[in-house]
N, C-alpha and C. Protein backbone atom coordinates (compact mmCIF):
# COMPACT_ATOMS: atom_id res chain seq x y z
N UNK A 1 99.00 101.01 112.38
CA UNK A 1 97.67 100.37 112.98
C UNK A 1 96.53 101.35 113.96
N UNK A 2 95.24 100.94 113.21
CA UNK A 2 94.24 101.70 113.79
C UNK A 2 93.41 101.05 114.76
N UNK A 3 93.14 102.02 115.38
CA UNK A 3 91.92 101.58 116.66
C UNK A 3 90.15 101.74 116.12
N UNK A 4 89.49 100.87 116.20
CA UNK A 4 88.12 101.14 115.67
C UNK A 4 87.76 101.32 117.27
N UNK A 5 87.26 102.44 117.23
CA UNK A 5 86.33 102.68 118.32
C UNK A 5 84.69 102.62 118.37
N UNK A 6 84.10 102.20 119.43
CA UNK A 6 82.70 101.59 119.25
C UNK A 6 81.83 103.20 119.00
N UNK A 7 81.04 103.12 118.50
CA UNK A 7 79.98 103.98 117.80
C UNK A 7 79.07 104.88 118.96
N UNK A 8 78.91 104.60 120.36
CA UNK A 8 78.95 105.83 121.24
C UNK A 8 79.49 105.90 122.64
N UNK A 9 79.75 107.70 122.63
CA UNK A 9 80.86 108.30 123.23
C UNK A 9 79.84 109.45 124.42
N UNK A 10 80.44 108.84 126.01
CA UNK A 10 79.33 109.37 126.58
C UNK A 10 80.38 110.78 127.11
N UNK A 11 80.02 111.67 127.32
CA UNK A 11 80.71 112.62 128.06
C UNK A 11 80.14 113.23 129.54
N UNK A 12 81.23 113.08 130.12
CA UNK A 12 80.60 113.11 131.38
C UNK A 12 80.63 114.93 131.68
N UNK A 13 79.78 115.46 132.34
CA UNK A 13 79.36 116.58 132.50
C UNK A 13 80.02 117.33 133.53
N UNK A 14 80.91 118.55 133.52
CA UNK A 14 80.96 118.70 134.91
C UNK A 14 82.64 118.51 135.07
N UNK A 15 83.13 118.41 136.27
CA UNK A 15 84.36 118.36 136.26
C UNK A 15 84.61 117.17 137.06
N UNK A 16 85.75 116.48 136.79
CA UNK A 16 86.08 114.91 137.41
C UNK A 16 87.14 114.90 138.12
N UNK A 17 87.27 114.35 139.53
CA UNK A 17 88.84 114.74 139.81
C UNK A 17 89.72 113.96 139.00
N UNK A 18 90.78 114.04 138.36
CA UNK A 18 91.58 113.20 137.91
C UNK A 18 92.35 112.26 138.47
N UNK A 19 92.71 112.36 140.04
CA UNK A 19 93.22 111.35 140.47
C UNK A 19 93.02 110.21 141.08
N UNK A 20 91.27 110.08 140.53
CA UNK A 20 90.23 108.99 140.43
C UNK A 20 90.98 107.85 139.37
N UNK A 21 91.70 106.25 139.88
CA UNK A 21 91.86 105.61 138.97
C UNK A 21 90.70 104.96 138.45
N UNK A 22 91.26 103.92 137.59
CA UNK A 22 89.90 103.08 136.88
C UNK A 22 88.85 102.71 137.54
N UNK A 23 89.15 102.25 138.42
CA UNK A 23 87.97 101.99 139.93
C UNK A 23 87.02 103.16 140.22
N UNK A 24 87.92 104.34 140.30
CA UNK A 24 86.69 105.49 140.78
C UNK A 24 85.96 106.15 139.54
N UNK A 25 86.37 106.18 138.31
CA UNK A 25 85.50 106.18 137.08
C UNK A 25 84.61 104.89 137.13
N UNK A 26 84.96 104.17 137.16
CA UNK A 26 83.74 102.87 136.85
C UNK A 26 82.88 103.23 137.99
N UNK A 27 82.84 103.64 138.91
CA UNK A 27 81.84 103.77 140.24
C UNK A 27 81.13 105.25 139.48
N UNK A 28 81.76 105.81 139.06
CA UNK A 28 80.88 107.54 138.29
C UNK A 28 80.47 106.92 137.74
N UNK A 29 80.23 106.17 136.46
CA UNK A 29 79.56 105.85 135.44
C UNK A 29 78.75 105.21 135.77
N UNK A 30 78.96 103.89 136.76
CA UNK A 30 77.51 103.46 136.93
C UNK A 30 76.57 103.50 137.47
N UNK A 31 77.11 104.83 138.98
CA UNK A 31 76.21 105.48 139.50
C UNK A 31 75.85 106.57 138.87
N UNK A 32 76.48 107.64 138.22
CA UNK A 32 75.85 108.80 138.17
C UNK A 32 75.25 108.93 136.52
N UNK A 33 75.92 107.60 135.77
CA UNK A 33 75.45 107.83 134.43
C UNK A 33 74.62 106.72 134.00
N UNK A 34 74.18 106.08 135.07
CA UNK A 34 73.38 104.40 134.40
C UNK A 34 73.39 103.98 133.51
N UNK A 35 74.86 103.77 133.14
CA UNK A 35 75.19 103.46 132.11
C UNK A 35 76.23 102.14 132.60
N UNK A 36 75.93 100.72 131.73
CA UNK A 36 76.60 99.53 131.86
C UNK A 36 78.27 99.85 131.60
N UNK A 37 79.66 99.57 132.42
CA UNK A 37 80.41 99.74 131.55
C UNK A 37 81.13 98.86 130.21
N UNK A 38 80.26 97.69 130.59
CA UNK A 38 80.46 96.65 129.39
C UNK A 38 79.61 97.31 128.27
N UNK A 39 78.67 98.27 128.30
CA UNK A 39 78.26 98.50 126.81
C UNK A 39 79.41 99.07 125.93
N UNK A 40 79.16 98.84 124.81
CA UNK A 40 80.00 99.40 123.77
C UNK A 40 80.10 100.73 123.61
N UNK A 41 81.33 101.36 124.30
CA UNK A 41 81.48 102.67 124.41
C UNK A 41 82.46 103.60 124.99
N UNK A 42 82.60 104.57 124.70
CA UNK A 42 83.95 105.22 125.12
C UNK A 42 83.54 106.63 126.22
N UNK A 43 84.03 106.54 127.21
CA UNK A 43 83.56 107.27 128.78
C UNK A 43 84.82 108.32 128.64
N UNK A 44 84.49 109.85 128.65
CA UNK A 44 85.29 110.75 128.50
C UNK A 44 84.74 111.67 129.88
N UNK A 45 86.31 112.04 130.54
CA UNK A 45 85.89 112.60 131.64
C UNK A 45 87.05 114.23 131.34
N UNK A 46 86.68 115.10 132.30
CA UNK A 46 87.85 116.33 132.10
C UNK A 46 88.26 116.54 133.01
N UNK A 47 89.53 117.38 133.36
CA UNK A 47 89.77 117.67 134.50
C UNK A 47 89.44 118.98 135.08
N UNK A 48 89.89 119.89 135.98
CA UNK A 48 89.47 121.21 136.55
C UNK A 48 90.02 122.26 135.58
N UNK A 49 91.02 122.39 135.08
CA UNK A 49 91.46 123.26 134.33
C UNK A 49 91.24 122.93 132.40
N UNK A 50 90.43 121.78 132.30
CA UNK A 50 90.45 121.30 130.86
C UNK A 50 91.23 121.24 129.95
N UNK A 51 92.75 120.73 130.84
CA UNK A 51 93.83 120.98 129.66
C UNK A 51 93.98 119.31 129.77
N UNK A 52 93.28 118.48 130.51
CA UNK A 52 93.52 117.02 130.14
C UNK A 52 91.94 116.14 130.53
N UNK A 53 92.14 115.13 129.70
CA UNK A 53 90.93 114.20 129.63
C UNK A 53 91.60 113.06 129.80
N UNK A 54 90.40 111.87 130.27
CA UNK A 54 90.48 110.53 130.60
C UNK A 54 89.62 110.14 129.70
N UNK A 55 89.82 108.91 129.17
CA UNK A 55 89.05 107.63 128.53
C UNK A 55 89.23 106.69 129.24
N UNK A 56 88.34 106.27 129.26
CA UNK A 56 87.58 104.60 129.97
C UNK A 56 86.80 104.21 128.34
N UNK A 57 87.39 103.16 128.12
CA UNK A 57 86.95 102.03 126.80
C UNK A 57 87.15 100.63 127.55
N UNK A 58 86.00 99.99 127.73
CA UNK A 58 86.02 98.47 127.56
C UNK A 58 86.14 97.86 126.23
N UNK A 59 87.06 97.05 126.10
CA UNK A 59 87.14 96.31 125.08
C UNK A 59 87.23 94.94 125.02
N UNK A 60 86.98 94.72 126.39
CA UNK A 60 86.35 93.11 126.53
C UNK A 60 87.34 92.30 126.77
């Protein structure tokens, strides 16, 4: 089974509080990045220690 990812990838610069859930990450995207979550893209966030990442992807 293969997953086809969208062509756009947005990397959040800096440190993201990894306790944020989907709603918190959505708010960060819409406020700080000025991008719609409905855009065909993957959003990447990293934690303080850089040993974890979170990906947010709207698949419709």
